[in-house]
């Protein structure tokens, strides 16, 4: 699910801080630990 959503956000017009903020929220909602989300999102992007 993260892969699908990161791809959707990445090809979208959402960039920079907004992109990271939205993806962090989504990753936490998917059940990833909040302490690891920044690293997971950076790697995923």
ModelCIF file with pLDDT and N, C-alpha, C, O atoms, coordinates in Angstrom:
data_MODEL
#
_entry.id   MODEL 
#
_entity.id                         1 
_entity.type                       polymer 
_entity.pdbx_number_of_molecules   1 
#
_entity_poly.entity_id                      1 
_entity_poly.type                           'polypeptide(L)' 
_entity_poly.nstd_linkage                   no 
_entity_poly.nstd_monomer                   no 
_entity_poly.pdbx_seq_one_letter_code       
;(UNK)(UNK)(UNK)(UNK)(UNK)(UNK)(UNK)(UNK)(UNK)(UNK)(UNK)(UNK)(UNK)(UNK)(UNK)(UNK)
(UNK)(UNK)(UNK)(UNK)(UNK)(UNK)(UNK)(UNK)(UNK)(UNK)(UNK)(UNK)(UNK)(UNK)(UNK)(UNK)
(UNK)(UNK)(UNK)(UNK)(UNK)(UNK)(UNK)(UNK)(UNK)(UNK)(UNK)(UNK)(UNK)
;
_entity_poly.pdbx_seq_one_letter_code_can   XXXXXXXXXXXXXXXXXXXXXXXXXXXXXXXXXXXXXXXXXXXXX 
_entity_poly.pdbx_strand_id                 A 
#
loop_
_entity_poly_seq.entity_id 
_entity_poly_seq.num 
_entity_poly_seq.mon_id 
_entity_poly_seq.hetero 
1 1  UNK n 
1 2  UNK n 
1 3  UNK n 
1 4  UNK n 
1 5  UNK n 
1 6  UNK n 
1 7  UNK n 
1 8  UNK n 
1 9  UNK n 
1 10 UNK n 
1 11 UNK n 
1 12 UNK n 
1 13 UNK n 
1 14 UNK n 
1 15 UNK n 
1 16 UNK n 
1 17 UNK n 
1 18 UNK n 
1 19 UNK n 
1 20 UNK n 
1 21 UNK n 
1 22 UNK n 
1 23 UNK n 
1 24 UNK n 
1 25 UNK n 
1 26 UNK n 
1 27 UNK n 
1 28 UNK n 
1 29 UNK n 
1 30 UNK n 
1 31 UNK n 
1 32 UNK n 
1 33 UNK n 
1 34 UNK n 
1 35 UNK n 
1 36 UNK n 
1 37 UNK n 
1 38 UNK n 
1 39 UNK n 
1 40 UNK n 
1 41 UNK n 
1 42 UNK n 
1 43 UNK n 
1 44 UNK n 
1 45 UNK n 
#
_struct_asym.id          A 
_struct_asym.entity_id   1 
#
loop_
_ma_qa_metric.id 
_ma_qa_metric.mode 
_ma_qa_metric.name 
_ma_qa_metric.software_group_id 
_ma_qa_metric.type 
1 global pLDDT . pLDDT 
2 local  pLDDT . pLDDT 
#
_ma_qa_metric_global.metric_id      1 
_ma_qa_metric_global.metric_value   81.53 
_ma_qa_metric_global.model_id       1 
_ma_qa_metric_global.ordinal_id     1 
#
loop_
_ma_qa_metric_local.label_asym_id 
_ma_qa_metric_local.label_comp_id 
_ma_qa_metric_local.label_seq_id 
_ma_qa_metric_local.metric_id 
_ma_qa_metric_local.metric_value 
_ma_qa_metric_local.model_id 
_ma_qa_metric_local.ordinal_id 
A UNK 1  2 85.00 1 1  
A UNK 2  2 88.00 1 2  
A UNK 3  2 89.00 1 3  
A UNK 4  2 82.00 1 4  
A UNK 5  2 81.00 1 5  
A UNK 6  2 84.00 1 6  
A UNK 7  2 83.00 1 7  
A UNK 8  2 77.00 1 8  
A UNK 9  2 75.00 1 9  
A UNK 10 2 74.00 1 10 
A UNK 11 2 70.00 1 11 
A UNK 12 2 62.00 1 12 
A UNK 13 2 54.00 1 13 
A UNK 14 2 55.00 1 14 
A UNK 15 2 60.00 1 15 
A UNK 16 2 63.00 1 16 
A UNK 17 2 70.00 1 17 
A UNK 18 2 71.00 1 18 
A UNK 19 2 71.00 1 19 
A UNK 20 2 79.00 1 20 
A UNK 21 2 80.00 1 21 
A UNK 22 2 78.00 1 22 
A UNK 23 2 84.00 1 23 
A UNK 24 2 86.00 1 24 
A UNK 25 2 82.00 1 25 
A UNK 26 2 82.00 1 26 
A UNK 27 2 87.00 1 27 
A UNK 28 2 85.00 1 28 
A UNK 29 2 80.00 1 29 
A UNK 30 2 83.00 1 30 
A UNK 31 2 85.00 1 31 
A UNK 32 2 88.00 1 32 
A UNK 33 2 89.00 1 33 
A UNK 34 2 90.00 1 34 
A UNK 35 2 92.00 1 35 
A UNK 36 2 90.00 1 36 
A UNK 37 2 93.00 1 37 
A UNK 38 2 92.00 1 38 
A UNK 39 2 93.00 1 39 
A UNK 40 2 94.00 1 40 
A UNK 41 2 93.00 1 41 
A UNK 42 2 92.00 1 42 
A UNK 43 2 94.00 1 43 
A UNK 44 2 93.00 1 44 
A UNK 45 2 91.00 1 45 
#
loop_
_atom_site.group_PDB 
_atom_site.id 
_atom_site.type_symbol 
_atom_site.label_atom_id 
_atom_site.label_alt_id 
_atom_site.label_comp_id 
_atom_site.label_asym_id 
_atom_site.label_entity_id 
_atom_site.label_seq_id 
_atom_site.pdbx_PDB_ins_code 
_atom_site.Cartn_x 
_atom_site.Cartn_y 
_atom_site.Cartn_z 
_atom_site.occupancy 
_atom_site.B_iso_or_equiv 
_atom_site.pdbx_formal_charge 
_atom_site.auth_seq_id 
_atom_site.auth_comp_id 
_atom_site.auth_asym_id 
_atom_site.auth_atom_id 
_atom_site.pdbx_PDB_model_num 
ATOM 1   N N  . UNK A 1 1  ? 0.836  -1.207 0.000   1.00 85.00 ? 1  UNK A N  1 
ATOM 2   C CA . UNK A 1 1  ? 0.000  0.000  0.000   1.00 85.00 ? 1  UNK A CA 1 
ATOM 3   C C  . UNK A 1 1  ? 0.865  1.248  0.000   1.00 85.00 ? 1  UNK A C  1 
ATOM 4   O O  . UNK A 1 1  ? 0.567  2.218  -0.697  1.00 85.00 ? 1  UNK A O  1 
ATOM 5   N N  . UNK A 1 2  ? 1.938  1.223  0.783   1.00 88.00 ? 2  UNK A N  1 
ATOM 6   C CA . UNK A 1 2  ? 2.845  2.367  0.810   1.00 88.00 ? 2  UNK A CA 1 
ATOM 7   C C  . UNK A 1 2  ? 3.429  2.615  -0.576  1.00 88.00 ? 2  UNK A C  1 
ATOM 8   O O  . UNK A 1 2  ? 3.501  3.758  -1.028  1.00 88.00 ? 2  UNK A O  1 
ATOM 9   N N  . UNK A 1 3  ? 3.838  1.566  -1.238  1.00 89.00 ? 3  UNK A N  1 
ATOM 10  C CA . UNK A 1 3  ? 4.392  1.674  -2.593  1.00 89.00 ? 3  UNK A CA 1 
ATOM 11  C C  . UNK A 1 3  ? 3.392  2.353  -3.533  1.00 89.00 ? 3  UNK A C  1 
ATOM 12  O O  . UNK A 1 3  ? 3.748  3.282  -4.257  1.00 89.00 ? 3  UNK A O  1 
ATOM 13  N N  . UNK A 1 4  ? 2.152  1.890  -3.518  1.00 82.00 ? 4  UNK A N  1 
ATOM 14  C CA . UNK A 1 4  ? 1.127  2.475  -4.384  1.00 82.00 ? 4  UNK A CA 1 
ATOM 15  C C  . UNK A 1 4  ? 0.910  3.954  -4.064  1.00 82.00 ? 4  UNK A C  1 
ATOM 16  O O  . UNK A 1 4  ? 0.839  4.789  -4.966  1.00 82.00 ? 4  UNK A O  1 
ATOM 17  N N  . UNK A 1 5  ? 0.807  4.267  -2.782  1.00 81.00 ? 5  UNK A N  1 
ATOM 18  C CA . UNK A 1 5  ? 0.517  5.644  -2.393  1.00 81.00 ? 5  UNK A CA 1 
ATOM 19  C C  . UNK A 1 5  ? 1.700  6.577  -2.635  1.00 81.00 ? 5  UNK A C  1 
ATOM 20  O O  . UNK A 1 5  ? 1.505  7.719  -3.052  1.00 81.00 ? 5  UNK A O  1 
ATOM 21  N N  . UNK A 1 6  ? 2.908  6.116  -2.383  1.00 84.00 ? 6  UNK A N  1 
ATOM 22  C CA . UNK A 1 6  ? 4.084  6.950  -2.643  1.00 84.00 ? 6  UNK A CA 1 
ATOM 23  C C  . UNK A 1 6  ? 4.188  7.238  -4.135  1.00 84.00 ? 6  UNK A C  1 
ATOM 24  O O  . UNK A 1 6  ? 4.522  8.353  -4.536  1.00 84.00 ? 6  UNK A O  1 
ATOM 25  N N  . UNK A 1 7  ? 3.902  6.232  -4.951  1.00 83.00 ? 7  UNK A N  1 
ATOM 26  C CA . UNK A 1 7  ? 3.943  6.461  -6.403  1.00 83.00 ? 7  UNK A CA 1 
ATOM 27  C C  . UNK A 1 7  ? 2.891  7.487  -6.814  1.00 83.00 ? 7  UNK A C  1 
ATOM 28  O O  . UNK A 1 7  ? 3.166  8.355  -7.642  1.00 83.00 ? 7  UNK A O  1 
ATOM 29  N N  . UNK A 1 8  ? 1.674  7.395  -6.239  1.00 77.00 ? 8  UNK A N  1 
ATOM 30  C CA . UNK A 1 8  ? 0.622  8.353  -6.578  1.00 77.00 ? 8  UNK A CA 1 
ATOM 31  C C  . UNK A 1 8  ? 1.013  9.770  -6.172  1.00 77.00 ? 8  UNK A C  1 
ATOM 32  O O  . UNK A 1 8  ? 0.844  10.712 -6.945  1.00 77.00 ? 8  UNK A O  1 
ATOM 33  N N  . UNK A 1 9  ? 1.532  9.916  -4.965  1.00 75.00 ? 9  UNK A N  1 
ATOM 34  C CA . UNK A 1 9  ? 1.921  11.239 -4.486  1.00 75.00 ? 9  UNK A CA 1 
ATOM 35  C C  . UNK A 1 9  ? 3.112  11.756 -5.292  1.00 75.00 ? 9  UNK A C  1 
ATOM 36  O O  . UNK A 1 9  ? 3.166  12.937 -5.634  1.00 75.00 ? 9  UNK A O  1 
ATOM 37  N N  . UNK A 1 10 ? 4.057  10.881 -5.592  1.00 74.00 ? 10 UNK A N  1 
ATOM 38  C CA . UNK A 1 10 ? 5.268  11.293 -6.309  1.00 74.00 ? 10 UNK A CA 1 
ATOM 39  C C  . UNK A 1 10 ? 4.961  11.805 -7.715  1.00 74.00 ? 10 UNK A C  1 
ATOM 40  O O  . UNK A 1 10 ? 5.540  12.805 -8.140  1.00 74.00 ? 10 UNK A O  1 
ATOM 41  N N  . UNK A 1 11 ? 4.076  11.150 -8.435  1.00 70.00 ? 11 UNK A N  1 
ATOM 42  C CA . UNK A 1 11 ? 3.758  11.594 -9.789  1.00 70.00 ? 11 UNK A CA 1 
ATOM 43  C C  . UNK A 1 11 ? 2.766  12.743 -9.783  1.00 70.00 ? 11 UNK A C  1 
ATOM 44  O O  . UNK A 1 11 ? 2.481  13.328 -10.827 1.00 70.00 ? 11 UNK A O  1 
ATOM 45  N N  . UNK A 1 12 ? 2.244  13.066 -8.617  1.00 62.00 ? 12 UNK A N  1 
ATOM 46  C CA . UNK A 1 12 ? 1.286  14.133 -8.466  1.00 62.00 ? 12 UNK A CA 1 
ATOM 47  C C  . UNK A 1 12 ? 2.025  15.467 -8.428  1.00 62.00 ? 12 UNK A C  1 
ATOM 48  O O  . UNK A 1 12 ? 3.249  15.511 -8.552  1.00 62.00 ? 12 UNK A O  1 
ATOM 49  N N  . UNK A 1 13 ? 1.291  16.530 -8.259  1.00 54.00 ? 13 UNK A N  1 
ATOM 50  C CA . UNK A 1 13 ? 1.900  17.856 -8.177  1.00 54.00 ? 13 UNK A CA 1 
ATOM 51  C C  . UNK A 1 13 ? 2.287  18.221 -6.755  1.00 54.00 ? 13 UNK A C  1 
ATOM 52  O O  . UNK A 1 13 ? 2.709  19.350 -6.504  1.00 54.00 ? 13 UNK A O  1 
ATOM 53  N N  . UNK A 1 14 ? 2.152  17.292 -5.822  1.00 55.00 ? 14 UNK A N  1 
ATOM 54  C CA . UNK A 1 14 ? 2.523  17.550 -4.432  1.00 55.00 ? 14 UNK A CA 1 
ATOM 55  C C  . UNK A 1 14 ? 4.028  17.360 -4.316  1.00 55.00 ? 14 UNK A C  1 
ATOM 56  O O  . UNK A 1 14 ? 4.545  16.281 -4.605  1.00 55.00 ? 14 UNK A O  1 
ATOM 57  N N  . UNK A 1 15 ? 4.732  18.407 -3.893  1.00 60.00 ? 15 UNK A N  1 
ATOM 58  C CA . UNK A 1 15 ? 6.185  18.341 -3.791  1.00 60.00 ? 15 UNK A CA 1 
ATOM 59  C C  . UNK A 1 15 ? 6.661  18.929 -2.471  1.00 60.00 ? 15 UNK A C  1 
ATOM 60  O O  . UNK A 1 15 ? 5.911  19.600 -1.763  1.00 60.00 ? 15 UNK A O  1 
ATOM 61  N N  . UNK A 1 16 ? 7.922  18.663 -2.156  1.00 63.00 ? 16 UNK A N  1 
ATOM 62  C CA . UNK A 1 16 ? 8.563  19.279 -0.998  1.00 63.00 ? 16 UNK A CA 1 
ATOM 63  C C  . UNK A 1 16 ? 7.958  18.875 0.321   1.00 63.00 ? 16 UNK A C  1 
ATOM 64  O O  . UNK A 1 16 ? 7.632  17.710 0.548   1.00 63.00 ? 16 UNK A O  1 
ATOM 65  N N  . UNK A 1 17 ? 7.809  19.876 1.204   1.00 70.00 ? 17 UNK A N  1 
ATOM 66  C CA . UNK A 1 17 ? 7.313  19.617 2.552   1.00 70.00 ? 17 UNK A CA 1 
ATOM 67  C C  . UNK A 1 17 ? 5.893  19.050 2.546   1.00 70.00 ? 17 UNK A C  1 
ATOM 68  O O  . UNK A 1 17 ? 5.568  18.192 3.367   1.00 70.00 ? 17 UNK A O  1 
ATOM 69  N N  . UNK A 1 18 ? 5.053  19.516 1.636   1.00 71.00 ? 18 UNK A N  1 
ATOM 70  C CA . UNK A 1 18 ? 3.680  18.998 1.569   1.00 71.00 ? 18 UNK A CA 1 
ATOM 71  C C  . UNK A 1 18 ? 3.681  17.516 1.233   1.00 71.00 ? 18 UNK A C  1 
ATOM 72  O O  . UNK A 1 18 ? 2.906  16.744 1.799   1.00 71.00 ? 18 UNK A O  1 
ATOM 73  N N  . UNK A 1 19 ? 4.552  17.120 0.314   1.00 71.00 ? 19 UNK A N  1 
ATOM 74  C CA . UNK A 1 19 ? 4.669  15.713 -0.072  1.00 71.00 ? 19 UNK A CA 1 
ATOM 75  C C  . UNK A 1 19 ? 5.091  14.872 1.117   1.00 71.00 ? 19 UNK A C  1 
ATOM 76  O O  . UNK A 1 19 ? 4.492  13.833 1.393   1.00 71.00 ? 19 UNK A O  1 
ATOM 77  N N  . UNK A 1 20 ? 6.123  15.319 1.822   1.00 79.00 ? 20 UNK A N  1 
ATOM 78  C CA . UNK A 1 20 ? 6.610  14.577 2.989   1.00 79.00 ? 20 UNK A CA 1 
ATOM 79  C C  . UNK A 1 20 ? 5.569  14.528 4.099   1.00 79.00 ? 20 UNK A C  1 
ATOM 80  O O  . UNK A 1 20 ? 5.371  13.488 4.727   1.00 79.00 ? 20 UNK A O  1 
ATOM 81  N N  . UNK A 1 21 ? 4.911  15.642 4.336   1.00 80.00 ? 21 UNK A N  1 
ATOM 82  C CA . UNK A 1 21 ? 3.907  15.703 5.396   1.00 80.00 ? 21 UNK A CA 1 
ATOM 83  C C  . UNK A 1 21 ? 2.754  14.736 5.127   1.00 80.00 ? 21 UNK A C  1 
ATOM 84  O O  . UNK A 1 21 ? 2.341  13.991 6.016   1.00 80.00 ? 21 UNK A O  1 
ATOM 85  N N  . UNK A 1 22 ? 2.242  14.753 3.911   1.00 78.00 ? 22 UNK A N  1 
ATOM 86  C CA . UNK A 1 22 ? 1.140  13.857 3.558   1.00 78.00 ? 22 UNK A CA 1 
ATOM 87  C C  . UNK A 1 22 ? 1.576  12.400 3.652   1.00 78.00 ? 22 UNK A C  1 
ATOM 88  O O  . UNK A 1 22 ? 0.845  11.567 4.188   1.00 78.00 ? 22 UNK A O  1 
ATOM 89  N N  . UNK A 1 23 ? 2.751  12.091 3.138   1.00 84.00 ? 23 UNK A N  1 
ATOM 90  C CA . UNK A 1 23 ? 3.223  10.708 3.177   1.00 84.00 ? 23 UNK A CA 1 
ATOM 91  C C  . UNK A 1 23 ? 3.503  10.229 4.600   1.00 84.00 ? 23 UNK A C  1 
ATOM 92  O O  . UNK A 1 23 ? 3.287  9.057  4.907   1.00 84.00 ? 23 UNK A O  1 
ATOM 93  N N  . UNK A 1 24 ? 3.979  11.114 5.466   1.00 86.00 ? 24 UNK A N  1 
ATOM 94  C CA . UNK A 1 24 ? 4.185  10.734 6.868   1.00 86.00 ? 24 UNK A CA 1 
ATOM 95  C C  . UNK A 1 24 ? 2.856  10.374 7.515   1.00 86.00 ? 24 UNK A C  1 
ATOM 96  O O  . UNK A 1 24 ? 2.753  9.373  8.223   1.00 86.00 ? 24 UNK A O  1 
ATOM 97  N N  . UNK A 1 25 ? 1.837  11.197 7.270   1.00 82.00 ? 25 UNK A N  1 
ATOM 98  C CA . UNK A 1 25 ? 0.510  10.908 7.817   1.00 82.00 ? 25 UNK A CA 1 
ATOM 99  C C  . UNK A 1 25 ? 0.006  9.553  7.315   1.00 82.00 ? 25 UNK A C  1 
ATOM 100 O O  . UNK A 1 25 ? -0.505 8.743  8.088   1.00 82.00 ? 25 UNK A O  1 
ATOM 101 N N  . UNK A 1 26 ? 0.157  9.325  6.020   1.00 82.00 ? 26 UNK A N  1 
ATOM 102 C CA . UNK A 1 26 ? -0.315 8.081  5.421   1.00 82.00 ? 26 UNK A CA 1 
ATOM 103 C C  . UNK A 1 26 ? 0.436  6.889  6.002   1.00 82.00 ? 26 UNK A C  1 
ATOM 104 O O  . UNK A 1 26 ? -0.173 5.873  6.336   1.00 82.00 ? 26 UNK A O  1 
ATOM 105 N N  . UNK A 1 27 ? 1.750  7.009  6.123   1.00 87.00 ? 27 UNK A N  1 
ATOM 106 C CA . UNK A 1 27 ? 2.559  5.897  6.641   1.00 87.00 ? 27 UNK A CA 1 
ATOM 107 C C  . UNK A 1 27 ? 2.171  5.563  8.079   1.00 87.00 ? 27 UNK A C  1 
ATOM 108 O O  . UNK A 1 27 ? 2.094  4.388  8.438   1.00 87.00 ? 27 UNK A O  1 
ATOM 109 N N  . UNK A 1 28 ? 1.930  6.562  8.892   1.00 85.00 ? 28 UNK A N  1 
ATOM 110 C CA . UNK A 1 28 ? 1.500  6.320  10.273  1.00 85.00 ? 28 UNK A CA 1 
ATOM 111 C C  . UNK A 1 28 ? 0.128  5.647  10.266  1.00 85.00 ? 28 UNK A C  1 
ATOM 112 O O  . UNK A 1 28 ? -0.125 4.728  11.044  1.00 85.00 ? 28 UNK A O  1 
ATOM 113 N N  . UNK A 1 29 ? -0.754 6.112  9.382   1.00 80.00 ? 29 UNK A N  1 
ATOM 114 C CA . UNK A 1 29 ? -2.080 5.501  9.258   1.00 80.00 ? 29 UNK A CA 1 
ATOM 115 C C  . UNK A 1 29 ? -2.019 4.057  8.794   1.00 80.00 ? 29 UNK A C  1 
ATOM 116 O O  . UNK A 1 29 ? -2.893 3.256  9.125   1.00 80.00 ? 29 UNK A O  1 
ATOM 117 N N  . UNK A 1 30 ? -0.988 3.724  8.027   1.00 83.00 ? 30 UNK A N  1 
ATOM 118 C CA . UNK A 1 30 ? -0.808 2.343  7.570   1.00 83.00 ? 30 UNK A CA 1 
ATOM 119 C C  . UNK A 1 30 ? -0.232 1.441  8.658   1.00 83.00 ? 30 UNK A C  1 
ATOM 120 O O  . UNK A 1 30 ? -0.201 0.220  8.509   1.00 83.00 ? 30 UNK A O  1 
ATOM 121 N N  . UNK A 1 31 ? 0.221  2.047  9.747   1.00 85.00 ? 31 UNK A N  1 
ATOM 122 C CA . UNK A 1 31 ? 0.712  1.247  10.863  1.00 85.00 ? 31 UNK A CA 1 
ATOM 123 C C  . UNK A 1 31 ? 2.209  1.270  11.060  1.00 85.00 ? 31 UNK A C  1 
ATOM 124 O O  . UNK A 1 31 ? 2.730  0.509  11.876  1.00 85.00 ? 31 UNK A O  1 
ATOM 125 N N  . UNK A 1 32 ? 2.926  2.130  10.329  1.00 88.00 ? 32 UNK A N  1 
ATOM 126 C CA . UNK A 1 32 ? 4.360  2.245  10.548  1.00 88.00 ? 32 UNK A CA 1 
ATOM 127 C C  . UNK A 1 32 ? 4.608  3.078  11.802  1.00 88.00 ? 32 UNK A C  1 
ATOM 128 O O  . UNK A 1 32 ? 3.848  3.999  12.103  1.00 88.00 ? 32 UNK A O  1 
ATOM 129 N N  . UNK A 1 33 ? 5.662  2.755  12.525  1.00 89.00 ? 33 UNK A N  1 
ATOM 130 C CA . UNK A 1 33 ? 5.969  3.435  13.779  1.00 89.00 ? 33 UNK A CA 1 
ATOM 131 C C  . UNK A 1 33 ? 6.370  4.880  13.511  1.00 89.00 ? 33 UNK A C  1 
ATOM 132 O O  . UNK A 1 33 ? 7.197  5.138  12.637  1.00 89.00 ? 33 UNK A O  1 
ATOM 133 N N  . UNK A 1 34 ? 5.794  5.829  14.253  1.00 90.00 ? 34 UNK A N  1 
ATOM 134 C CA . UNK A 1 34 ? 6.087  7.248  14.022  1.00 90.00 ? 34 UNK A CA 1 
ATOM 135 C C  . UNK A 1 34 ? 7.577  7.610  14.082  1.00 90.00 ? 34 UNK A C  1 
ATOM 136 O O  . UNK A 1 34 ? 8.018  8.527  13.390  1.00 90.00 ? 34 UNK A O  1 
ATOM 137 N N  . UNK A 1 35 ? 8.339  6.904  14.892  1.00 92.00 ? 35 UNK A N  1 
ATOM 138 C CA . UNK A 1 35 ? 9.769  7.212  14.983  1.00 92.00 ? 35 UNK A CA 1 
ATOM 139 C C  . UNK A 1 35 ? 10.527 6.845  13.709  1.00 92.00 ? 35 UNK A C  1 
ATOM 140 O O  . UNK A 1 35 ? 11.570 7.433  13.421  1.00 92.00 ? 35 UNK A O  1 
ATOM 141 N N  . UNK A 1 36 ? 10.019 5.891  12.952  1.00 90.00 ? 36 UNK A N  1 
ATOM 142 C CA . UNK A 1 36 ? 10.702 5.433  11.741  1.00 90.00 ? 36 UNK A CA 1 
ATOM 143 C C  . UNK A 1 36 ? 10.155 6.048  10.460  1.00 90.00 ? 36 UNK A C  1 
ATOM 144 O O  . UNK A 1 36 ? 10.756 5.892  9.397   1.00 90.00 ? 36 UNK A O  1 
ATOM 145 N N  . UNK A 1 37 ? 9.036  6.738  10.542  1.00 93.00 ? 37 UNK A N  1 
ATOM 146 C CA . UNK A 1 37 ? 8.334  7.186  9.346   1.00 93.00 ? 37 UNK A CA 1 
ATOM 147 C C  . UNK A 1 37 ? 9.191  8.085  8.465   1.00 93.00 ? 37 UNK A C  1 
ATOM 148 O O  . UNK A 1 37 ? 9.178  7.927  7.244   1.00 93.00 ? 37 UNK A O  1 
ATOM 149 N N  . UNK A 1 38 ? 9.927  9.010  9.037   1.00 92.00 ? 38 UNK A N  1 
ATOM 150 C CA . UNK A 1 38 ? 10.741 9.918  8.220   1.00 92.00 ? 38 UNK A CA 1 
ATOM 151 C C  . UNK A 1 38 ? 11.712 9.125  7.358   1.00 92.00 ? 38 UNK A C  1 
ATOM 152 O O  . UNK A 1 38 ? 11.860 9.411  6.170   1.00 92.00 ? 38 UNK A O  1 
ATOM 153 N N  . UNK A 1 39 ? 12.367 8.145  7.937   1.00 93.00 ? 39 UNK A N  1 
ATOM 154 C CA . UNK A 1 39 ? 13.356 7.357  7.201   1.00 93.00 ? 39 UNK A CA 1 
ATOM 155 C C  . UNK A 1 39 ? 12.690 6.478  6.138   1.00 93.00 ? 39 UNK A C  1 
ATOM 156 O O  . UNK A 1 39 ? 13.203 6.319  5.031   1.00 93.00 ? 39 UNK A O  1 
ATOM 157 N N  . UNK A 1 40 ? 11.548 5.919  6.498   1.00 94.00 ? 40 UNK A N  1 
ATOM 158 C CA . UNK A 1 40 ? 10.811 5.070  5.550   1.00 94.00 ? 40 UNK A CA 1 
ATOM 159 C C  . UNK A 1 40 ? 10.355 5.900  4.356   1.00 94.00 ? 40 UNK A C  1 
ATOM 160 O O  . UNK A 1 40 ? 10.489 5.467  3.211   1.00 94.00 ? 40 UNK A O  1 
ATOM 161 N N  . UNK A 1 41 ? 9.819  7.084  4.613   1.00 93.00 ? 41 UNK A N  1 
ATOM 162 C CA . UNK A 1 41 ? 9.333  7.946  3.534   1.00 93.00 ? 41 UNK A CA 1 
ATOM 163 C C  . UNK A 1 41 ? 10.489 8.417  2.657   1.00 93.00 ? 41 UNK A C  1 
ATOM 164 O O  . UNK A 1 41 ? 10.378 8.408  1.431   1.00 93.00 ? 41 UNK A O  1 
ATOM 165 N N  . UNK A 1 42 ? 11.589 8.826  3.272   1.00 92.00 ? 42 UNK A N  1 
ATOM 166 C CA . UNK A 1 42 ? 12.753 9.252  2.483   1.00 92.00 ? 42 UNK A CA 1 
ATOM 167 C C  . UNK A 1 42 ? 13.225 8.125  1.562   1.00 92.00 ? 42 UNK A C  1 
ATOM 168 O O  . UNK A 1 42 ? 13.491 8.347  0.381   1.00 92.00 ? 42 UNK A O  1 
ATOM 169 N N  . UNK A 1 43 ? 13.325 6.926  2.113   1.00 94.00 ? 43 UNK A N  1 
ATOM 170 C CA . UNK A 1 43 ? 13.765 5.778  1.319   1.00 94.00 ? 43 UNK A CA 1 
ATOM 171 C C  . UNK A 1 43 ? 12.728 5.451  0.227   1.00 94.00 ? 43 UNK A C  1 
ATOM 172 O O  . UNK A 1 43 ? 13.088 5.184  -0.920  1.00 94.00 ? 43 UNK A O  1 
ATOM 173 N N  . UNK A 1 44 ? 11.457 5.476  0.595   1.00 93.00 ? 44 UNK A N  1 
ATOM 174 C CA . UNK A 1 44 ? 10.399 5.159  -0.360  1.00 93.00 ? 44 UNK A CA 1 
ATOM 175 C C  . UNK A 1 44 ? 10.400 6.148  -1.529  1.00 93.00 ? 44 UNK A C  1 
ATOM 176 O O  . UNK A 1 44 ? 10.257 5.742  -2.682  1.00 93.00 ? 44 UNK A O  1 
ATOM 177 N N  . UNK A 1 45 ? 10.559 7.433  -1.240  1.00 91.00 ? 45 UNK A N  1 
ATOM 178 C CA . UNK A 1 45 ? 10.591 8.438  -2.303  1.00 91.00 ? 45 UNK A CA 1 
ATOM 179 C C  . UNK A 1 45 ? 11.813 8.251  -3.199  1.00 91.00 ? 45 UNK A C  1 
ATOM 180 O O  . UNK A 1 45 ? 12.003 9.009  -4.150  1.00 91.00 ? 45 UNK A O  1 
#
